[in-house]
Amino acid sequence: MDSNTPFICALGDLGVDLVMGVLEQWPQIGTELVLPRSELRAGCSAGNTALALRHLGVPAHLVSAVGQDDFGVWLRGQFHGVQAHLAVCACPTTVSVGLMHRCSERNFFTTEGHLAAFTLAQALAGVPEAVPGSLLLLSGVFLLPRLRAQYPALMAELRQRGYQIALDTGWPTEGWSDALRAEVRGWLPNCDHLLLNELEACELAATETVAQAMPKIQSWLRPGATLVVKAGARGALACQGSLQLSQAAEAAEVFDTIGAGDSFNAGYLAALLRGASLQEALASACRVATAVLTRFPRQGIQPGEFSQLLAQPA
């Protein structure tokens, strides 16, 4: 990658994902089920985004950490074609088991692992020097307790280094509360792009509908910032100043929905990096998410295989 080429940096959570399915119903305690599909792969939101960027052939950096064990060694070898800056924490690697249900919903069982040990100093040590036009995505904050405590300092430093900042909060493991909403609101003035799903938007704004949540959240963002609300199989909504947009997604047969939002984020940011309009970026994001989710297993996706899915601005 040319040292003067703008890039996307994903900073956040990385772990081992074991995806299994399909589960028809919860089994009785003490019994055993044989499931027809499984895949062991690098996962968590920052890891998924970095891999999706590789599928698109877009210059990407990953800043995260791994544990000091065999899984940590394995994870470090999964990012060929990505500039991966991975600290090593003196504890076991975080592992997540994702169980897919027939209705396309899923459950996760995740160990605390190394993500609880990832620090601000480790994060900043891995962030490369910004090139003008580069974007940095923060994700997985609620799985990173030590880093979360320093999020205002982290975001201020990243802005000082010249990055445009995108944030995907994810779902808080402790659930939403007024104190947590206030904490997240404190991060928003440093965001150029806020990427939420419908439920996250409603919970953050403490509203019943997305239509009520979007103007409320937009008022908390910096002037000119973009709010994107991911609506799953229906597509996405966005607002930027007085501009309000929607984008439909194509219908697709999907078994594995893990990483849907992360793949969307990759498509959205990659399109912006190439100069796409907001509408083009939403369309690219929906196409990329659909393309990734319809592949199982995903280990066989080649670098640049999905590059044609990005909008080509005039």
Protein backbone atom coordinates (compact mmCIF):
# COMPACT_ATOMS: atom_id res chain seq x y z
CA MET A 1 0.00 0.00 0.00
CA ASP A 2 1.33 3.45 -0.98
CA SER A 3 2.22 5.49 2.11
CA ASN A 4 0.16 8.41 0.75
CA THR A 5 -2.99 6.37 0.05
CA PRO A 6 -5.95 7.00 2.39
CA PHE A 7 -7.04 3.87 4.23
CA ILE A 8 -9.59 2.55 6.70
CA CYS A 9 -8.52 1.51 10.19
CA ALA A 10 -10.73 -0.72 12.33
CA LEU A 11 -9.95 -0.40 16.04
CA GLY A 12 -11.74 -2.58 18.53
CA ASP A 13 -12.59 -6.16 19.36
CA LEU A 14 -11.12 -9.30 17.84
CA GLY A 15 -11.65 -12.89 18.90
CA VAL A 16 -12.24 -16.45 17.79
CA ASP A 17 -15.73 -17.24 16.50
CA LEU A 18 -17.17 -20.74 16.34
CA VAL A 19 -20.37 -20.51 14.30
CA MET A 20 -22.75 -23.49 14.48
CA GLY A 21 -26.28 -24.29 13.33
CA VAL A 22 -29.04 -24.77 12.64
CA LEU A 23 -30.65 -25.05 16.07
CA GLU A 24 -34.35 -25.95 15.97
CA GLN A 25 -34.94 -25.43 19.70
CA TRP A 26 -32.98 -25.24 22.92
CA PRO A 27 -31.94 -28.76 23.97
CA GLN A 28 -32.69 -30.30 27.30
CA ILE A 29 -29.84 -29.97 29.80
CA GLY A 30 -27.55 -32.99 29.72
CA THR A 31 -28.31 -33.98 26.12
CA GLU A 32 -26.26 -33.72 22.93
CA LEU A 33 -27.15 -32.42 19.46
CA VAL A 34 -25.36 -32.95 16.15
CA LEU A 35 -25.55 -29.80 14.01
CA PRO A 36 -25.03 -29.83 10.23
CA ARG A 37 -22.82 -26.75 9.87
CA SER A 38 -19.91 -25.11 11.64
CA GLU A 39 -16.98 -22.81 10.94
CA LEU A 40 -14.07 -21.65 13.10
CA ARG A 41 -12.93 -18.18 12.05
CA ALA A 42 -11.60 -14.81 13.16
CA GLY A 43 -14.46 -12.70 14.42
CA CYS A 44 -15.80 -9.91 16.63
CA SER A 45 -16.77 -6.62 15.06
CA ALA A 46 -13.37 -5.08 14.29
CA GLY A 47 -12.07 -8.40 12.96
CA ASN A 48 -15.14 -8.92 10.78
CA THR A 49 -14.86 -5.39 9.37
CA ALA A 50 -11.17 -5.82 8.53
CA LEU A 51 -11.87 -9.09 6.71
CA ALA A 52 -14.77 -7.56 4.78
CA LEU A 53 -12.48 -4.72 3.69
CA ARG A 54 -10.01 -7.32 2.48
CA HIS A 55 -12.81 -8.99 0.48
CA LEU A 56 -13.37 -5.58 -1.15
CA GLY A 57 -9.69 -5.03 -1.93
CA VAL A 58 -9.63 -1.83 0.13
CA PRO A 59 -6.50 -0.70 2.04
CA ALA A 60 -7.16 -1.61 5.66
CA HIS A 61 -5.53 -1.66 9.07
CA LEU A 62 -6.72 -3.61 12.11
CA VAL A 63 -5.79 -2.46 15.61
CA SER A 64 -6.70 -4.89 18.37
CA ALA A 65 -5.21 -7.59 20.56
CA VAL A 66 -5.01 -11.35 21.04
CA GLY A 67 -4.42 -13.61 24.00
CA GLN A 68 -1.20 -15.38 24.92
CA ASP A 69 -2.23 -18.88 23.80
CA ASP A 70 -2.62 -21.06 20.70
CA PHE A 71 -5.79 -19.26 19.65
CA GLY A 72 -3.87 -15.98 19.77
CA VAL A 73 -1.20 -17.39 17.46
CA TRP A 74 -3.91 -18.71 15.12
CA LEU A 75 -5.70 -15.34 15.01
CA ARG A 76 -2.53 -13.50 14.07
CA GLY A 77 -2.32 -15.67 10.95
CA GLN A 78 -5.84 -14.93 9.69
CA PHE A 79 -5.28 -11.44 8.29
CA HIS A 80 -3.15 -11.84 5.19
CA GLY A 81 -3.56 -8.68 3.12
CA VAL A 82 -4.51 -6.56 6.15
CA GLN A 83 -2.06 -4.43 8.12
CA ALA A 84 -2.79 -6.00 11.51
CA HIS A 85 -1.40 -4.33 14.65
CA LEU A 86 -2.24 -6.84 17.38
CA ALA A 87 -1.03 -6.45 20.96
CA VAL A 88 -0.53 -9.63 22.98
CA CYS A 89 -2.28 -9.74 26.36
CA ALA A 90 -1.07 -12.12 29.07
CA CYS A 91 -4.36 -14.04 29.30
CA PRO A 92 -6.45 -16.45 27.21
CA THR A 93 -7.92 -15.31 23.89
CA THR A 94 -11.59 -14.32 23.82
CA VAL A 95 -13.76 -17.04 22.25
CA SER A 96 -17.36 -16.70 21.09
CA VAL A 97 -19.76 -19.49 20.12
CA GLY A 98 -22.54 -18.31 17.82
CA LEU A 99 -25.58 -20.60 17.59
CA MET A 100 -27.81 -19.99 14.57
CA HIS A 101 -31.55 -20.66 14.88
CA ARG A 102 -33.92 -21.72 12.12
CA CYS A 103 -35.62 -18.29 12.30
CA SER A 104 -32.24 -16.65 11.38
CA GLU A 105 -31.79 -15.22 14.88
CA ARG A 106 -28.71 -16.16 16.89
CA ASN A 107 -27.29 -16.44 20.39
CA PHE A 108 -23.72 -15.75 21.44
CA PHE A 109 -21.76 -17.26 24.31
CA THR A 110 -18.56 -15.24 24.77
CA THR A 111 -15.67 -15.51 27.20
CA GLU A 112 -14.20 -12.33 28.65
CA GLY A 113 -10.66 -13.33 27.65
CA HIS A 114 -8.07 -10.89 26.41
CA LEU A 115 -10.54 -8.16 25.40
CA ALA A 116 -10.91 -7.18 29.06
CA ALA A 117 -7.16 -6.44 29.17
CA PHE A 118 -6.80 -4.28 26.01
CA THR A 119 -5.59 -0.80 27.05
CA LEU A 120 -5.52 2.73 25.66
CA ALA A 121 -1.73 2.61 25.39
CA GLN A 122 -1.89 -0.61 23.36
CA ALA A 123 -4.57 0.83 21.10
CA LEU A 124 -2.74 4.08 20.37
CA ALA A 125 0.56 2.26 19.85
CA GLY A 126 -1.06 0.29 17.02
CA VAL A 127 -2.76 3.18 15.23
CA PRO A 128 -0.78 4.09 12.09
CA GLU A 129 -0.01 7.66 11.10
CA ALA A 130 -3.06 9.18 9.45
CA VAL A 131 -3.07 10.01 5.75
CA PRO A 132 -5.50 12.80 4.77
CA GLY A 133 -8.88 11.28 3.96
CA SER A 134 -8.38 8.19 6.12
CA LEU A 135 -11.27 6.82 8.19
CA LEU A 136 -11.08 5.06 11.54
CA LEU A 137 -13.90 2.84 12.79
CA LEU A 138 -14.32 2.25 16.52
CA SER A 139 -16.35 -0.82 17.42
CA GLY A 140 -16.86 -3.40 20.14
CA VAL A 141 -16.51 -0.83 22.93
CA PHE A 142 -18.71 -2.71 25.40
CA LEU A 143 -16.45 -5.76 25.20
CA LEU A 144 -13.38 -3.61 25.99
CA PRO A 145 -13.86 -2.35 29.58
CA ARG A 146 -10.38 -0.91 30.12
CA LEU A 147 -10.41 0.89 26.77
CA ARG A 148 -14.01 2.03 27.26
CA ALA A 149 -13.04 3.89 30.41
CA GLN A 150 -10.62 5.94 28.29
CA TYR A 151 -12.86 6.40 25.23
CA PRO A 152 -13.07 10.22 25.41
CA ALA A 153 -9.26 10.45 25.51
CA LEU A 154 -8.96 7.89 22.71
CA MET A 155 -11.38 9.73 20.43
CA ALA A 156 -9.79 13.11 21.11
CA GLU A 157 -6.35 11.73 20.26
CA LEU A 158 -7.59 10.11 17.05
CA ARG A 159 -9.14 13.39 15.92
CA GLN A 160 -5.90 15.15 16.77
CA ARG A 161 -4.08 12.67 14.55
CA GLY A 162 -6.33 13.65 11.63
CA TYR A 163 -8.74 10.72 11.32
CA GLN A 164 -12.40 10.94 10.41
CA ILE A 165 -14.06 8.85 13.11
CA ALA A 166 -16.86 6.34 12.62
CA LEU A 167 -18.44 4.65 15.65
CA ASP A 168 -20.51 1.48 15.92
CA THR A 169 -21.42 1.13 19.57
CA GLY A 170 -22.79 -2.41 19.45
CA TRP A 171 -25.05 -3.70 22.20
CA PRO A 172 -24.03 -3.17 25.86
CA THR A 173 -23.70 -6.43 27.74
CA GLU A 174 -25.11 -4.77 30.87
CA GLY A 175 -28.16 -3.39 29.04
CA TRP A 176 -29.11 0.24 28.47
CA SER A 177 -29.56 2.65 31.36
CA ASP A 178 -29.72 6.42 31.76
CA ALA A 179 -26.10 6.45 32.95
CA LEU A 180 -24.94 4.46 29.94
CA ARG A 181 -26.91 6.70 27.54
CA ALA A 182 -25.16 9.72 29.05
CA GLU A 183 -21.80 8.01 28.64
CA VAL A 184 -22.41 7.27 24.96
CA ARG A 185 -23.71 10.79 24.34
CA GLY A 186 -20.35 12.04 25.60
CA TRP A 187 -18.64 10.24 22.73
CA LEU A 188 -20.86 11.56 19.94
CA PRO A 189 -19.40 15.06 19.45
CA ASN A 190 -16.23 13.37 18.20
CA CYS A 191 -18.05 11.22 15.61
CA ASP A 192 -18.19 11.94 11.89
CA HIS A 193 -20.25 8.79 11.22
CA LEU A 194 -22.45 6.99 13.75
CA LEU A 195 -23.52 3.50 12.66
CA LEU A 196 -26.29 1.86 14.70
CA ASN A 197 -28.94 -0.77 14.18
CA GLU A 198 -32.60 0.01 14.77
CA LEU A 199 -32.78 -1.36 18.31
CA GLU A 200 -29.57 0.41 19.35
CA ALA A 201 -30.88 3.71 17.98
CA CYS A 202 -34.16 3.41 19.86
CA GLU A 203 -32.45 2.42 23.10
CA LEU A 204 -29.86 5.19 22.89
CA ALA A 205 -32.55 7.79 22.27
CA ALA A 206 -35.02 6.15 24.69
CA THR A 207 -37.75 6.23 22.05
CA GLU A 208 -40.20 3.67 20.71
CA THR A 209 -39.52 4.19 17.00
CA VAL A 210 -36.55 4.86 14.75
CA ALA A 211 -38.38 7.86 13.28
CA GLN A 212 -38.41 9.41 16.76
CA ALA A 213 -34.82 8.37 17.53
CA MET A 214 -33.01 9.70 14.46
CA PRO A 215 -33.57 13.47 14.87
CA LYS A 216 -32.86 13.20 18.59
CA ILE A 217 -29.54 11.42 18.03
CA GLN A 218 -28.61 13.70 15.15
CA SER A 219 -28.90 16.70 17.48
CA TRP A 220 -26.16 15.18 19.65
CA LEU A 221 -23.68 14.75 16.78
CA ARG A 222 -21.16 17.28 15.54
CA PRO A 223 -22.38 19.57 12.71
CA GLY A 224 -22.23 17.79 9.35
CA ALA A 225 -21.91 14.33 10.88
CA THR A 226 -23.84 11.39 9.43
CA LEU A 227 -26.17 9.05 11.28
CA VAL A 228 -26.78 5.65 9.67
CA VAL A 229 -29.37 3.22 11.01
CA LYS A 230 -29.06 -0.36 9.77
CA ALA A 231 -32.42 -2.03 9.24
CA GLY A 232 -31.33 -5.60 8.53
CA ALA A 233 -32.95 -7.24 5.53
CA ARG A 234 -34.90 -4.05 4.80
CA GLY A 235 -31.77 -1.98 4.15
CA ALA A 236 -30.76 1.25 5.88
CA LEU A 237 -31.68 4.84 6.73
CA ALA A 238 -29.40 7.85 7.00
CA CYS A 239 -29.50 11.54 7.80
CA GLN A 240 -26.86 14.23 7.33
CA GLY A 241 -27.92 17.78 8.09
CA SER A 242 -31.25 18.27 6.30
CA LEU A 243 -30.61 15.29 4.01
CA GLN A 244 -32.63 12.16 4.80
CA LEU A 245 -32.16 8.98 2.78
CA SER A 246 -33.25 5.36 2.69
CA GLN A 247 -31.83 2.36 0.86
CA ALA A 248 -33.50 -0.99 0.28
CA ALA A 249 -31.56 -4.24 0.41
CA GLU A 250 -31.97 -7.16 -1.98
CA ALA A 251 -33.68 -10.25 -0.64
CA ALA A 252 -31.32 -13.17 -0.03
CA GLU A 253 -31.29 -16.65 1.50
CA VAL A 254 -29.03 -16.38 4.55
CA PHE A 255 -27.94 -19.01 7.07
CA ASP A 256 -25.21 -17.11 8.93
CA THR A 257 -26.10 -13.53 9.91
CA ILE A 258 -23.08 -13.06 12.19
CA GLY A 259 -21.10 -10.01 11.11
CA ALA A 260 -23.96 -8.48 9.10
CA GLY A 261 -23.54 -5.01 10.54
CA ASP A 262 -19.75 -5.23 10.35
CA SER A 263 -19.84 -6.10 6.65
CA PHE A 264 -22.29 -3.23 6.12
CA ASN A 265 -19.85 -0.89 7.89
CA ALA A 266 -17.02 -2.04 5.63
CA GLY A 267 -19.04 -1.43 2.46
CA TYR A 268 -20.21 1.97 3.66
CA LEU A 269 -16.77 3.24 4.67
CA ALA A 270 -15.04 1.75 1.62
CA ALA A 271 -17.46 3.56 -0.70
CA LEU A 272 -16.89 6.85 1.13
CA LEU A 273 -13.13 6.33 0.88
CA ARG A 274 -13.56 6.21 -2.92
CA GLY A 275 -15.56 9.42 -2.98
CA ALA A 276 -19.08 7.99 -3.19
CA SER A 277 -22.13 10.02 -2.24
CA LEU A 278 -24.07 9.08 0.88
CA GLN A 279 -26.74 7.33 -1.20
CA GLU A 280 -24.09 5.39 -3.12
CA ALA A 281 -22.37 4.45 0.13
CA LEU A 282 -25.62 3.08 1.58
CA ALA A 283 -26.25 1.05 -1.57
CA SER A 284 -22.71 -0.34 -1.52
CA ALA A 285 -23.05 -1.22 2.17
CA CYS A 286 -26.24 -3.19 1.55
CA ARG A 287 -24.69 -5.06 -1.39
CA VAL A 288 -21.57 -5.97 0.57
CA ALA A 289 -23.51 -7.17 3.61
CA THR A 290 -25.70 -9.38 1.43
CA ALA A 291 -22.73 -10.81 -0.46
CA VAL A 292 -20.83 -11.72 2.72
CA LEU A 293 -23.83 -13.18 4.54
CA THR A 294 -24.78 -15.49 1.70
CA ARG A 295 -21.35 -17.17 1.80
CA PHE A 296 -20.79 -20.09 4.15
CA PRO A 297 -18.15 -20.97 5.00
CA ARG A 298 -16.48 -17.57 4.57
CA GLN A 299 -12.87 -18.67 4.76
CA GLY A 300 -12.82 -19.18 1.01
CA ILE A 301 -13.60 -15.56 0.06
CA GLN A 302 -10.60 -14.22 -1.83
CA PRO A 303 -9.02 -10.77 -1.36
CA GLY A 304 -10.71 -8.31 -3.70
CA GLU A 305 -13.40 -10.83 -4.71
CA PHE A 306 -16.19 -8.36 -3.88
CA SER A 307 -14.54 -5.22 -5.24
CA GLN A 308 -17.17 -4.88 -7.98
CA LEU A 309 -19.84 -4.31 -5.32
CA LEU A 310 -18.53 -0.84 -4.45
CA ALA A 311 -20.14 2.20 -6.06
CA GLN A 312 -18.09 3.76 -8.82
CA PRO A 313 -18.60 7.52 -8.44
CA ALA A 314 -18.81 9.54 -11.66
